[in-house]
Amino acid sequence: MRRRRGLSVRLKLTLSYAGFLTLAGALLLAVVWVFLLRYVPDNDQGLLGISPNRYLLVRTFFPAAAAAMGFLLVFGLVGGWLLAGRMLAPLTRITAAARTAGSGSLSHRIRMEGRDDEFRELADAFDTMLDRLEAQVAEQQRFAANASHELRTPLAISRALLDVAREDPGRDRDELVARLTAVNTRAIDLTEALLLLSRSDRGLVSRERVDLSLVAEEAAETLLPLAEQRGIAFDVTGGAAWTSGSPELLLRMVTNLLQNALVHNLPSGGTVTVRTEARREGSLVRVENTGHPLPPDLVPTLTEPFRRGTERVRTDEHAGVGLGLALVQSVVRAHGGTLTLVPRPAGGLVVTVLLPAAPEDSVPGHEPQGRQGPRERQ
């Protein structure tokens, strides 16, 4: 928006300083006139013939007073200009940093030294904002690059299959349709995962009361056929754990955790243990699975988008898109929770999600506060 150019803040402060200083001088001179000169006799002889009269004092006082007023005005302008410049110097640095950030460079920091005051508090807040903005931009750029690479792969495979079918009309159509369907399904799953991840990164629009124990049961029921096919036992235990958030996102979070625990488990005879618990610090969901040993330095990278552990075993029917734990972390962050990954000494992974508990007055009184005993499925 275009605005008419006005006086600078420095000039306004200078005029204010000079004006107040001149006004203070004028008031001082007025006090001298009212309380001193008014009591001096106004006669030619003066007081006892040796004191000056009012006429002589006025002629002597007013030129000196006018000179003092002029000096105060000049002193106020010059001193105010210098003082305002010194006071506004931090604001100048903040403005320069904002212009640098506006041009696309987010690596510049103010790092203002000195004692704490309003300007330094503003500079620190601006540096913190730049830190977060730079991290988010870098994450989005890396995510966009990885996403474009992942989406290009199924499209290239589809094109190659179509080229083969065009060059070889006698090729088995059922095999071609099956492979195209698998590739298309993978592309759709990846697109849906990207959309869900983008939605959770933007934050939650609405919140509802959600019992994580019921969410865990629903997710386990959904993935039970896969667990039976792979010969993996489900063990869902714990009590009610109420939190506030999006039921859809929380269900997707727990489902991703369970699916991740299944497809990275032992080839057969493995277990997946799910436990929900209401703690003082929040509502907890812990998913523990057996599997092959994981290098400790690999575990922190598993929540990055499109990051797959090279030591982890995956099946062809659930090759995944590399967004399982990345989606989990994004949903947890959107709900204000924490995600912890710890490798099991015997092999496998323990994933713990801690979410803020729902207020006690928002928990329905007729709902059970805890259900004890394991709920095993195989």
Protein backbone atom coordinates (compact mmCIF):
# COMPACT_ATOMS: atom_id res chain seq x y z
CA MET A 1 0.00 0.00 0.00
CA ARG A 2 1.39 3.38 -1.04
CA ARG A 3 1.43 6.13 1.59
CA ARG A 4 2.42 9.76 1.56
CA ARG A 5 5.92 10.24 2.84
CA GLY A 6 6.01 11.85 6.28
CA LEU A 7 8.61 12.88 8.79
CA SER A 8 11.06 10.26 9.95
CA VAL A 9 10.88 8.93 13.48
CA ARG A 10 14.32 10.38 14.17
CA LEU A 11 13.23 13.86 13.10
CA LYS A 12 10.04 13.59 15.13
CA LEU A 13 12.01 12.60 18.22
CA THR A 14 14.47 15.45 17.59
CA LEU A 15 11.70 18.02 17.33
CA SER A 16 10.08 16.58 20.43
CA TYR A 17 13.32 16.79 22.44
CA ALA A 18 14.01 20.34 21.25
CA GLY A 19 10.44 21.41 21.87
CA PHE A 20 10.35 20.05 25.40
CA LEU A 21 13.75 21.57 26.20
CA THR A 22 12.71 24.97 24.84
CA LEU A 23 9.42 24.81 26.72
CA ALA A 24 11.24 23.95 29.93
CA GLY A 25 13.56 26.95 29.41
CA ALA A 26 10.61 29.25 28.74
CA LEU A 27 8.87 28.06 31.89
CA LEU A 28 12.04 28.67 33.90
CA LEU A 29 12.33 32.20 32.56
CA ALA A 30 8.65 32.80 33.30
CA VAL A 31 9.20 31.66 36.87
CA VAL A 32 12.10 34.08 37.19
CA TRP A 33 9.95 36.91 35.84
CA VAL A 34 6.94 36.18 37.99
CA PHE A 35 8.69 35.47 41.28
CA LEU A 36 11.69 37.78 41.01
CA LEU A 37 11.24 40.72 38.72
CA ARG A 38 7.75 41.55 39.94
CA TYR A 39 9.14 42.37 43.41
CA VAL A 40 11.85 44.74 42.11
CA PRO A 41 10.81 48.41 42.57
CA ASP A 42 10.04 50.26 39.38
CA ASN A 43 11.69 53.70 40.04
CA ASP A 44 14.65 55.61 38.83
CA GLN A 45 16.68 55.55 42.08
CA GLY A 46 16.36 51.89 42.73
CA LEU A 47 16.46 50.29 46.11
CA LEU A 48 18.43 52.59 48.56
CA GLY A 49 20.07 54.12 45.50
CA ILE A 50 22.36 51.14 44.85
CA SER A 51 20.03 48.31 43.57
CA PRO A 52 18.97 48.22 39.92
CA ASN A 53 15.37 48.94 39.18
CA ARG A 54 12.99 46.85 37.15
CA TYR A 55 13.66 48.75 33.95
CA LEU A 56 17.40 48.11 34.12
CA LEU A 57 16.90 44.45 35.06
CA VAL A 58 14.50 43.90 32.15
CA ARG A 59 16.92 45.48 29.67
CA THR A 60 19.76 43.37 31.03
CA PHE A 61 17.78 40.15 31.56
CA PHE A 62 15.83 39.80 28.33
CA PRO A 63 18.77 39.80 25.87
CA ALA A 64 20.52 37.19 27.98
CA ALA A 65 17.26 35.21 28.25
CA ALA A 66 16.75 35.36 24.47
CA ALA A 67 20.30 34.13 23.89
CA ALA A 68 19.75 31.32 26.40
CA MET A 69 16.51 30.36 24.65
CA GLY A 70 18.29 30.26 21.30
CA PHE A 71 21.07 28.14 22.77
CA LEU A 72 18.52 25.74 24.28
CA LEU A 73 16.77 25.42 20.92
CA VAL A 74 19.97 24.69 19.01
CA PHE A 75 21.23 22.40 21.77
CA GLY A 76 17.91 20.55 21.80
CA LEU A 77 17.94 20.06 18.02
CA VAL A 78 21.53 18.87 17.81
CA GLY A 79 21.43 16.81 21.00
CA GLY A 80 18.02 15.39 20.15
CA TRP A 81 19.20 14.38 16.67
CA LEU A 82 22.25 12.58 18.05
CA LEU A 83 20.35 11.02 20.93
CA ALA A 84 17.50 9.86 18.68
CA GLY A 85 19.98 8.35 16.25
CA ARG A 86 21.68 6.43 19.04
CA MET A 87 18.38 5.21 20.44
CA LEU A 88 17.06 4.13 17.04
CA ALA A 89 20.25 2.38 15.92
CA PRO A 90 18.94 -1.06 17.00
CA LEU A 91 15.76 -0.44 15.04
CA THR A 92 17.86 0.36 11.98
CA ARG A 93 19.61 -3.01 12.29
CA ILE A 94 16.28 -4.79 12.66
CA THR A 95 14.93 -3.02 9.56
CA ALA A 96 18.02 -3.98 7.55
CA ALA A 97 17.64 -7.61 8.65
CA ALA A 98 13.95 -7.57 7.67
CA ARG A 99 14.84 -6.24 4.21
CA THR A 100 17.50 -8.93 3.83
CA ALA A 101 14.99 -11.61 4.80
CA GLY A 102 12.44 -10.11 2.41
CA SER A 103 14.92 -10.48 -0.46
CA GLY A 104 15.06 -14.23 0.15
CA SER A 105 18.12 -14.55 2.40
CA LEU A 106 17.03 -16.17 5.66
CA SER A 107 20.51 -16.92 7.01
CA HIS A 108 21.17 -13.38 8.31
CA ARG A 109 20.77 -12.85 12.06
CA ILE A 110 20.79 -9.64 14.10
CA ARG A 111 22.39 -11.07 17.25
CA MET A 112 22.13 -7.76 19.08
CA GLU A 113 24.44 -7.42 22.04
CA GLY A 114 24.00 -5.35 25.18
CA ARG A 115 21.58 -5.38 28.06
CA ASP A 116 18.01 -6.47 27.67
CA ASP A 117 15.49 -3.84 26.59
CA GLU A 118 12.55 -3.51 24.20
CA PHE A 119 14.69 -3.31 21.05
CA ARG A 120 16.84 -6.29 22.01
CA GLU A 121 13.75 -8.28 22.90
CA LEU A 122 12.38 -7.47 19.44
CA ALA A 123 15.68 -8.45 17.82
CA ASP A 124 15.75 -11.78 19.67
CA ALA A 125 12.16 -12.51 18.66
CA PHE A 126 13.03 -11.65 15.05
CA ASP A 127 16.05 -13.98 15.12
CA THR A 128 13.90 -16.78 16.53
CA MET A 129 11.33 -16.22 13.80
CA LEU A 130 14.07 -16.39 11.14
CA ASP A 131 15.41 -19.62 12.66
CA ARG A 132 12.01 -21.28 12.45
CA LEU A 133 11.26 -19.86 9.01
CA GLU A 134 14.60 -20.99 7.62
CA ALA A 135 14.11 -24.48 9.04
CA GLN A 136 10.60 -24.72 7.61
CA VAL A 137 11.67 -23.48 4.18
CA ALA A 138 14.57 -25.93 4.10
CA GLU A 139 12.27 -28.76 5.15
CA GLN A 140 9.71 -27.84 2.49
CA GLN A 141 12.38 -27.63 -0.21
CA ARG A 142 13.80 -31.00 0.77
CA PHE A 143 10.31 -32.47 1.00
CA ALA A 144 9.31 -31.08 -2.42
CA ALA A 145 12.47 -32.46 -4.02
CA ASN A 146 11.92 -35.90 -2.49
CA ALA A 147 8.21 -35.87 -3.33
CA SER A 148 8.85 -34.97 -6.97
CA HIS A 149 11.36 -37.80 -7.20
CA GLU A 150 8.98 -40.30 -5.64
CA LEU A 151 6.07 -39.25 -7.85
CA ARG A 152 8.21 -39.36 -10.99
CA THR A 153 9.09 -43.02 -10.40
CA PRO A 154 5.56 -44.55 -10.69
CA LEU A 155 4.76 -42.29 -13.65
CA ALA A 156 7.93 -43.41 -15.43
CA ILE A 157 7.08 -47.06 -14.73
CA SER A 158 3.56 -46.57 -16.11
CA ARG A 159 4.93 -44.98 -19.26
CA ALA A 160 7.42 -47.82 -19.74
CA LEU A 161 4.68 -50.43 -19.35
CA LEU A 162 2.49 -48.63 -21.87
CA ASP A 163 5.39 -48.39 -24.33
CA VAL A 164 6.00 -52.12 -23.97
CA ALA A 165 2.31 -52.86 -24.52
CA ARG A 166 2.26 -50.67 -27.64
CA GLU A 167 5.35 -52.34 -29.11
CA ASP A 168 4.20 -55.86 -28.16
CA PRO A 169 0.42 -56.15 -28.78
CA GLY A 170 0.49 -59.85 -27.97
CA ARG A 171 1.69 -59.31 -24.41
CA ASP A 172 -0.47 -60.72 -21.61
CA ARG A 173 -3.04 -58.00 -20.87
CA ASP A 174 -3.87 -59.31 -17.40
CA GLU A 175 -0.25 -59.03 -16.30
CA LEU A 176 -0.03 -55.54 -17.76
CA VAL A 177 -3.24 -54.40 -16.05
CA ALA A 178 -2.10 -55.88 -12.73
CA ARG A 179 1.25 -54.07 -12.88
CA LEU A 180 -0.36 -50.79 -13.94
CA THR A 181 -2.90 -51.14 -11.12
CA ALA A 182 -0.13 -51.70 -8.57
CA VAL A 183 1.84 -48.71 -9.84
CA ASN A 184 -1.27 -46.51 -9.91
CA THR A 185 -2.23 -47.60 -6.39
CA ARG A 186 1.22 -46.65 -5.14
CA ALA A 187 0.96 -43.22 -6.78
CA ILE A 188 -2.48 -42.65 -5.22
CA ASP A 189 -1.26 -43.73 -1.79
CA LEU A 190 1.69 -41.38 -2.06
CA THR A 191 -0.54 -38.47 -3.12
CA GLU A 192 -2.97 -39.08 -0.25
CA ALA A 193 -0.08 -39.30 2.20
CA LEU A 194 1.34 -36.02 0.92
CA LEU A 195 -2.03 -34.30 1.28
CA LEU A 196 -2.49 -35.64 4.81
CA LEU A 197 1.02 -34.59 5.77
CA SER A 198 0.39 -31.10 4.39
CA ARG A 199 -2.88 -30.86 6.32
CA SER A 200 -1.32 -31.91 9.61
CA ASP A 201 1.60 -29.50 9.10
CA ARG A 202 -0.86 -26.61 8.76
CA GLY A 203 -2.32 -27.43 12.17
CA LEU A 204 -5.73 -28.56 13.37
CA VAL A 205 -8.91 -26.81 12.34
CA SER A 206 -11.15 -28.44 14.94
CA ARG A 207 -10.63 -30.66 17.96
CA GLU A 208 -12.73 -33.39 19.50
CA ARG A 209 -12.37 -35.64 22.54
CA VAL A 210 -10.69 -38.87 21.47
CA ASP A 211 -9.94 -42.02 23.47
CA LEU A 212 -6.64 -43.38 22.19
CA SER A 213 -7.44 -46.87 23.46
CA LEU A 214 -10.45 -47.04 21.14
CA VAL A 215 -8.36 -45.67 18.30
CA ALA A 216 -5.76 -48.38 18.90
CA GLU A 217 -8.45 -51.08 18.88
CA GLU A 218 -9.90 -49.79 15.61
CA ALA A 219 -6.49 -49.65 13.96
CA ALA A 220 -5.67 -53.17 15.18
CA GLU A 221 -8.98 -54.51 13.80
CA THR A 222 -8.21 -52.92 10.42
CA LEU A 223 -4.74 -54.47 10.17
CA LEU A 224 -5.68 -57.84 11.69
CA PRO A 225 -5.86 -59.62 8.29
CA LEU A 226 -2.32 -58.49 7.47
CA ALA A 227 -1.09 -59.64 10.87
CA GLU A 228 -2.72 -63.07 10.40
CA GLN A 229 -1.24 -63.37 6.93
CA ARG A 230 2.26 -62.72 8.25
CA GLY A 231 1.81 -64.82 11.38
CA ILE A 232 2.28 -61.84 13.74
CA ALA A 233 0.45 -61.59 17.07
CA PHE A 234 -1.23 -58.36 18.18
CA ASP A 235 -1.33 -57.52 21.89
CA VAL A 236 -3.42 -54.43 22.63
CA THR A 237 -3.53 -53.53 26.33
CA GLY A 238 -4.03 -50.54 28.59
CA GLY A 239 -6.79 -48.24 29.71
CA ALA A 240 -8.58 -45.19 28.41
CA ALA A 241 -6.31 -42.34 27.36
CA TRP A 242 -8.27 -39.23 26.48
CA THR A 243 -6.82 -36.48 24.36
CA SER A 244 -8.15 -33.62 22.25
CA GLY A 245 -7.61 -33.58 18.51
CA SER A 246 -8.68 -34.80 15.08
CA PRO A 247 -10.09 -38.35 15.16
CA GLU A 248 -9.13 -38.88 11.51
CA LEU A 249 -5.52 -37.80 11.98
CA LEU A 250 -5.11 -39.72 15.24
CA LEU A 251 -6.50 -42.88 13.65
CA ARG A 252 -4.10 -42.47 10.73
CA MET A 253 -1.25 -41.93 13.19
CA VAL A 254 -1.91 -45.15 15.12
CA THR A 255 -2.61 -47.09 11.91
CA ASN A 256 0.72 -45.99 10.46
CA LEU A 257 2.49 -47.03 13.66
CA LEU A 258 0.91 -50.49 13.59
CA GLN A 259 1.48 -50.98 9.87
CA ASN A 260 5.08 -49.87 10.27
CA ALA A 261 5.48 -52.39 13.11
CA LEU A 262 3.99 -55.17 10.95
CA VAL A 263 5.90 -54.71 7.71
CA HIS A 264 9.23 -54.24 9.53
CA ASN A 265 8.73 -57.24 11.77
CA LEU A 266 10.14 -60.74 11.61
CA PRO A 267 9.18 -62.86 8.57
CA SER A 268 6.93 -64.92 10.85
CA GLY A 269 6.22 -65.45 14.52
CA GLY A 270 6.77 -61.84 15.49
CA THR A 271 4.72 -59.73 17.90
CA VAL A 272 3.36 -56.20 18.02
CA THR A 273 2.46 -54.81 21.44
CA VAL A 274 0.27 -51.75 21.74
CA ARG A 275 -0.34 -50.07 25.09
CA THR A 276 -2.38 -46.99 25.92
CA GLU A 277 -2.08 -45.24 29.25
CA ALA A 278 -3.29 -42.04 30.92
CA ARG A 279 -0.43 -40.38 32.77
CA ARG A 280 -0.06 -37.18 34.71
CA GLU A 281 1.97 -35.63 31.88
CA GLY A 282 -0.44 -36.73 29.16
CA SER A 283 -2.00 -39.59 27.21
CA LEU A 284 0.42 -42.23 25.96
CA VAL A 285 0.46 -44.71 23.09
CA ARG A 286 3.37 -47.14 22.88
CA VAL A 287 3.89 -49.52 19.96
CA GLU A 288 6.63 -52.14 20.31
CA ASN A 289 7.54 -54.70 17.67
CA THR A 290 10.03 -57.46 17.21
CA GLY A 291 12.33 -57.43 14.21
CA HIS A 292 15.89 -57.16 13.05
CA PRO A 293 18.37 -55.04 15.04
CA LEU A 294 18.55 -51.37 14.05
CA PRO A 295 21.71 -49.24 14.16
CA PRO A 296 21.25 -46.49 16.78
CA ASP A 297 22.34 -43.79 14.33
CA LEU A 298 19.65 -44.87 11.86
CA VAL A 299 16.69 -44.48 14.23
CA PRO A 300 16.63 -40.63 14.43
CA THR A 301 16.40 -40.41 10.62
CA LEU A 302 13.36 -42.68 10.29
CA THR A 303 10.91 -39.80 10.77
CA GLU A 304 12.25 -37.89 7.77
CA PRO A 305 10.02 -37.98 4.67
CA PHE A 306 10.89 -40.76 2.20
CA ARG A 307 13.51 -42.13 4.57
CA ARG A 308 13.66 -45.90 4.68
CA GLY A 309 15.91 -47.90 6.94
CA THR A 310 18.22 -50.02 4.81
CA GLU A 311 18.40 -52.63 7.52
CA ARG A 312 14.64 -53.03 7.73
CA VAL A 313 12.79 -55.85 6.02
CA ARG A 314 9.83 -54.91 3.84
CA THR A 315 7.40 -57.00 1.88
CA ASP A 316 6.37 -56.53 -1.74
CA GLU A 317 2.69 -56.18 -0.94
CA HIS A 318 3.40 -53.29 1.40
CA ALA A 319 6.37 -51.52 -0.12
CA GLY A 320 5.22 -48.25 1.38
CA VAL A 321 5.92 -44.71 0.21
CA GLY A 322 8.42 -43.68 2.86
CA LEU A 323 6.00 -41.40 4.69
CA GLY A 324 4.76 -43.63 7.54
CA LEU A 325 6.73 -42.24 10.46
CA ALA A 326 6.97 -38.82 8.83
CA LEU A 327 3.17 -38.65 8.91
CA VAL A 328 3.18 -39.84 12.52
CA GLN A 329 5.63 -37.13 13.55
CA SER A 330 3.64 -34.48 11.70
CA VAL A 331 0.37 -35.51 13.36
CA VAL A 332 2.02 -35.63 16.78
CA ARG A 333 3.48 -32.16 16.26
CA ALA A 334 0.09 -30.82 15.15
CA HIS A 335 -1.42 -32.11 18.41
CA GLY A 336 1.34 -30.64 20.55
CA GLY A 337 2.78 -34.01 21.55
CA THR A 338 6.15 -35.74 21.46
CA LEU A 339 7.40 -38.76 19.49
CA THR A 340 10.18 -41.02 20.76
CA LEU A 341 11.87 -43.87 18.88
CA VAL A 342 14.09 -46.35 20.72
CA PRO A 343 15.61 -49.51 19.17
CA ARG A 344 15.06 -52.75 21.07
CA PRO A 345 18.26 -54.55 22.13
CA ALA A 346 16.89 -57.83 20.78
CA GLY A 347 15.78 -56.23 17.52
CA GLY A 348 12.80 -54.15 16.48
CA LEU A 349 11.62 -50.74 17.60
CA VAL A 350 9.71 -49.07 20.42
CA VAL A 351 7.71 -46.00 19.39
CA THR A 352 6.15 -43.82 22.11
CA VAL A 353 3.66 -41.04 21.45
CA LEU A 354 2.74 -38.70 24.30
CA LEU A 355 -0.14 -36.29 23.65
CA PRO A 356 -1.66 -33.64 25.93
CA ALA A 357 -4.48 -35.08 27.98
CA ALA A 358 -8.01 -33.80 27.46
CA PRO A 359 -9.36 -31.61 30.28
CA GLU A 360 -11.04 -33.68 32.98
CA ASP A 361 -14.33 -31.83 32.66
CA SER A 362 -14.44 -32.69 28.94
CA VAL A 363 -14.22 -36.44 29.45
CA PRO A 364 -17.68 -38.06 29.34
CA GLY A 365 -18.62 -39.38 32.76
CA HIS A 366 -20.29 -42.49 31.39
CA GLU A 367 -17.20 -43.59 29.52
CA PRO A 368 -15.03 -46.19 31.27
CA GLN A 369 -11.91 -44.68 32.71
CA GLY A 370 -9.87 -47.79 32.20
CA ARG A 371 -10.09 -51.28 30.83
CA GLN A 372 -7.61 -53.70 32.33
CA GLY A 373 -6.35 -56.88 30.81
CA PRO A 374 -4.81 -57.70 27.47
CA ARG A 375 -6.76 -57.90 24.23
CA GLU A 376 -4.76 -60.37 22.15
CA ARG A 377 -5.31 -61.01 18.45
CA GLN A 378 -3.52 -63.36 16.14
